[in-house]
Amino acid sequence: MGCSTSCRRTVRLHEIYDVRGSRMCTSRILGAQVLAAGLLMAACTQSPPGMVVDPDLEAMEADYIIFGLTNYLTREGIREAVVEADTALVFQDSTVVLLRGNVKLTAYHEELGTEKAVVTSDRGRLDTSTNALWAEGNAVLIIQADGRRIESHRLTYTPENNLIESDTFTVMYDGDDIIEGTSFTSDLNFERVLVRNARTRGGAIRF
């Protein structure tokens, strides 16, 4: 079966080195190993000619590179979140997967199955053993219930601790109000969002 330009690919790093993009399909062994790390993807049997590895990715020396990652995070069989990224770097001796380009985490209400928050960033790290995500570079959190938007250089999502937080400068947009602070923390139901050392522009702080 051929693949379109939007088809997701899973490749062994040395295959890109050797073939320079003429063959971008996975072996059964590769598929099993990557699936064992908790990652879901589709493999292509063809790819555009002349595809090469970005030098920055090449320098990472990952065991596998996944193009077009979609990873479903579950806890006790219940969908907790979905993580997407343009590129994922997988290392056989680590549970941490490095994410590059258009990183997105969509968190769900476990009881209702509806979206409760979306996190986006330029890059990130996903721990497949705990479902924790470190989102870095233009990190943004959108709280779906009320539309609040939180921006920071770095956001850390740790479902085991029912926590999302940042330890760097944070800006929260809450309607007409703009709240700035040195860091923030919140539970994953967003019942209490705490911006530390907060100062506001445009109105009163409302949590």
Protein backbone atom coordinates (compact mmCIF):
# COMPACT_ATOMS: atom_id res chain seq x y z
CA MET A 1 0.00 0.00 0.00
CA GLY A 2 1.38 3.40 -0.92
CA CYS A 3 1.29 6.33 1.44
CA SER A 4 0.31 9.96 0.97
CA THR A 5 2.34 12.92 2.14
CA SER A 6 0.37 12.94 5.41
CA CYS A 7 1.04 9.28 6.22
CA ARG A 8 2.93 8.64 9.44
CA ARG A 9 6.29 6.93 9.18
CA THR A 10 8.44 4.90 11.55
CA VAL A 11 12.03 4.37 10.59
CA ARG A 12 15.23 2.95 11.96
CA LEU A 13 17.82 5.70 12.10
CA HIS A 14 20.51 3.82 10.19
CA GLU A 15 18.03 3.07 7.38
CA ILE A 16 17.77 6.81 6.73
CA TYR A 17 21.55 7.05 6.69
CA ASP A 18 21.96 4.17 4.28
CA VAL A 19 19.02 4.58 1.92
CA ARG A 20 18.56 8.36 2.02
CA GLY A 21 14.79 8.13 2.02
CA SER A 22 14.23 5.61 -0.76
CA ARG A 23 12.74 3.11 1.69
CA MET A 24 10.89 4.31 4.77
CA CYS A 25 9.10 1.20 6.04
CA THR A 26 9.45 -0.70 9.29
CA SER A 27 10.29 -4.29 9.98
CA ARG A 28 8.07 -6.38 12.24
CA ILE A 29 10.84 -6.35 14.84
CA LEU A 30 11.05 -2.56 14.76
CA GLY A 31 7.29 -2.20 15.04
CA ALA A 32 7.18 -4.50 18.05
CA GLN A 33 10.00 -2.68 19.81
CA VAL A 34 8.50 0.75 19.34
CA LEU A 35 5.01 -0.42 20.29
CA ALA A 36 6.52 -1.90 23.43
CA ALA A 37 7.55 1.63 24.39
CA GLY A 38 3.89 2.63 24.31
CA LEU A 39 3.93 4.51 20.99
CA LEU A 40 1.29 4.15 18.29
CA MET A 41 2.00 4.89 14.64
CA ALA A 42 1.37 3.72 11.08
CA ALA A 43 4.20 2.59 8.84
CA CYS A 44 4.56 3.59 5.19
CA THR A 45 5.85 1.43 2.42
CA GLN A 46 6.97 4.34 0.28
CA SER A 47 8.27 7.84 0.90
CA PRO A 48 9.13 10.94 -1.11
CA PRO A 49 12.57 10.58 -2.77
CA GLY A 50 15.55 12.40 -1.35
CA MET A 51 14.34 12.49 2.27
CA VAL A 52 17.28 13.14 4.62
CA VAL A 53 17.79 13.42 8.37
CA ASP A 54 17.89 16.88 9.94
CA PRO A 55 21.46 17.36 11.27
CA ASP A 56 20.12 18.26 14.72
CA LEU A 57 18.20 14.97 14.87
CA GLU A 58 21.17 13.04 13.52
CA ALA A 59 23.30 14.36 16.38
CA MET A 60 20.85 12.95 18.95
CA GLU A 61 21.87 9.36 18.07
CA ALA A 62 18.39 7.99 18.75
CA ASP A 63 17.67 4.32 18.06
CA TYR A 64 14.50 5.20 16.15
CA ILE A 65 12.89 8.32 14.72
CA ILE A 66 9.12 8.54 14.37
CA PHE A 67 7.66 11.10 11.96
CA GLY A 68 4.12 12.15 12.83
CA LEU A 69 3.70 10.75 16.35
CA THR A 70 0.29 10.14 17.89
CA ASN A 71 0.52 8.50 21.32
CA TYR A 72 -2.53 7.61 23.45
CA LEU A 73 -1.84 7.85 27.17
CA THR A 74 -4.03 5.61 29.31
CA ARG A 75 -4.30 4.77 32.98
CA GLU A 76 -6.06 1.55 34.01
CA GLY A 77 -7.46 1.29 30.50
CA ILE A 78 -8.97 4.78 30.48
CA ARG A 79 -7.76 7.41 28.03
CA GLU A 80 -5.99 10.15 29.96
CA ALA A 81 -4.44 12.20 27.17
CA VAL A 82 -3.17 12.16 23.59
CA VAL A 83 0.31 13.41 22.68
CA GLU A 84 1.21 14.50 19.15
CA ALA A 85 4.47 15.75 17.62
CA ASP A 86 6.07 16.16 14.23
CA THR A 87 9.05 14.04 15.25
CA ALA A 88 9.83 11.70 18.15
CA LEU A 89 13.23 10.27 19.06
CA VAL A 90 13.15 6.88 20.78
CA PHE A 91 16.01 5.41 22.81
CA GLN A 92 16.00 1.69 23.60
CA ASP A 93 17.54 2.12 27.05
CA SER A 94 15.20 4.90 28.23
CA THR A 95 11.50 5.42 28.87
CA VAL A 96 11.86 9.07 27.85
CA VAL A 97 10.96 10.01 24.27
CA LEU A 98 12.17 13.35 22.90
CA LEU A 99 9.59 15.33 20.93
CA ARG A 100 10.32 17.95 18.30
CA GLY A 101 8.00 20.27 16.37
CA ASN A 102 4.35 21.15 17.06
CA VAL A 103 4.17 19.23 20.31
CA LYS A 104 0.58 18.95 21.55
CA LEU A 105 -0.98 17.26 24.56
CA THR A 106 -4.77 16.99 24.81
CA ALA A 107 -5.97 16.04 28.30
CA TYR A 108 -9.40 14.44 28.81
CA HIS A 109 -11.97 14.18 31.58
CA GLU A 110 -11.67 10.52 32.47
CA GLU A 111 -15.36 10.17 33.37
CA LEU A 112 -16.83 12.14 30.45
CA GLY A 113 -14.22 11.57 27.78
CA THR A 114 -14.32 15.25 26.79
CA GLU A 115 -11.35 17.57 26.39
CA LYS A 116 -10.39 19.56 29.47
CA ALA A 117 -7.10 21.16 28.44
CA VAL A 118 -4.60 21.46 25.60
CA VAL A 119 -0.86 22.06 25.97
CA THR A 120 1.29 23.07 22.98
CA SER A 121 5.02 23.78 22.67
CA ASP A 122 7.97 23.70 20.30
CA ARG A 123 9.55 20.61 21.84
CA GLY A 124 9.12 18.27 24.78
CA ARG A 125 9.97 15.08 26.64
CA LEU A 126 7.48 12.30 27.30
CA ASP A 127 8.06 9.68 30.00
CA THR A 128 6.17 6.62 28.77
CA SER A 129 6.36 4.98 32.23
CA THR A 130 4.44 7.76 34.02
CA ASN A 131 2.73 9.68 31.16
CA ALA A 132 4.50 12.84 32.36
CA LEU A 133 5.24 15.49 29.73
CA TRP A 134 7.74 18.36 29.87
CA ALA A 135 6.71 20.95 27.28
CA GLU A 136 9.38 23.52 26.43
CA GLY A 137 9.62 26.54 24.15
CA ASN A 138 6.58 28.80 23.68
CA ALA A 139 4.56 26.52 25.96
CA VAL A 140 0.84 27.33 26.11
CA LEU A 141 -1.95 25.83 28.23
CA ILE A 142 -5.59 26.34 27.19
CA ILE A 143 -8.21 25.46 29.83
CA GLN A 144 -11.28 24.41 27.88
CA ALA A 145 -13.91 25.06 30.57
CA ASP A 146 -13.42 28.83 30.68
CA GLY A 147 -10.92 29.64 27.94
CA ARG A 148 -8.12 30.74 30.23
CA ARG A 149 -4.74 30.78 28.48
CA ILE A 150 -1.43 30.33 30.30
CA GLU A 151 1.90 30.98 28.61
CA SER A 152 5.36 30.12 29.88
CA HIS A 153 8.70 28.92 28.55
CA ARG A 154 8.16 25.54 30.16
CA LEU A 155 5.15 23.55 31.41
CA THR A 156 5.30 20.26 33.29
CA TYR A 157 2.33 17.87 33.19
CA THR A 158 2.48 15.11 35.83
CA PRO A 159 -0.78 13.14 36.03
CA GLU A 160 0.53 10.90 38.81
CA ASN A 161 0.61 13.98 41.04
CA ASN A 162 -2.57 15.53 39.54
CA LEU A 163 -0.47 18.57 38.68
CA ILE A 164 0.50 20.94 35.90
CA GLU A 165 3.00 23.68 36.67
CA SER A 166 5.76 25.99 35.51
CA ASP A 167 8.82 27.15 37.42
CA THR A 168 9.48 30.04 35.01
CA PHE A 169 7.85 33.40 34.23
CA THR A 170 4.14 32.90 33.51
CA VAL A 171 1.39 34.98 31.91
CA MET A 172 -2.29 34.06 32.29
CA TYR A 173 -5.01 35.58 30.12
CA ASP A 174 -8.37 35.42 31.89
CA GLY A 175 -10.98 37.32 29.89
CA ASP A 176 -9.87 40.96 29.90
CA ASP A 177 -7.42 40.36 32.73
CA ILE A 178 -3.72 39.66 32.23
CA ILE A 179 -1.92 38.14 35.21
CA GLU A 180 1.86 37.84 35.34
CA GLY A 181 3.89 35.89 37.84
CA THR A 182 7.17 34.10 38.50
CA SER A 183 5.63 30.61 38.24
CA PHE A 184 2.32 28.78 38.53
CA THR A 185 0.77 25.51 39.64
CA SER A 186 -2.65 23.89 39.23
CA ASP A 187 -4.50 20.65 39.77
CA LEU A 188 -5.61 18.91 36.59
CA ASN A 189 -9.26 19.86 37.12
CA PHE A 190 -8.16 23.52 37.22
CA GLU A 191 -10.25 24.17 40.32
CA ARG A 192 -7.43 26.28 41.75
CA VAL A 193 -4.79 27.90 39.57
CA LEU A 194 -2.09 29.62 41.61
CA VAL A 195 0.17 32.22 39.95
CA ARG A 196 2.99 33.05 42.33
CA ASN A 197 4.04 36.64 42.94
CA ALA A 198 1.12 37.70 40.73
CA ARG A 199 0.51 41.15 39.39
CA THR A 200 -2.38 42.01 37.13
CA ARG A 201 -3.17 44.37 34.26
CA GLY A 202 -6.71 45.13 33.05
CA GLY A 203 -8.77 44.01 36.07
CA ALA A 204 -8.89 41.95 39.23
CA ILE A 205 -7.39 38.51 39.53
CA ARG A 206 -10.07 35.80 39.34
CA PHE A 207 -9.24 32.15 40.03
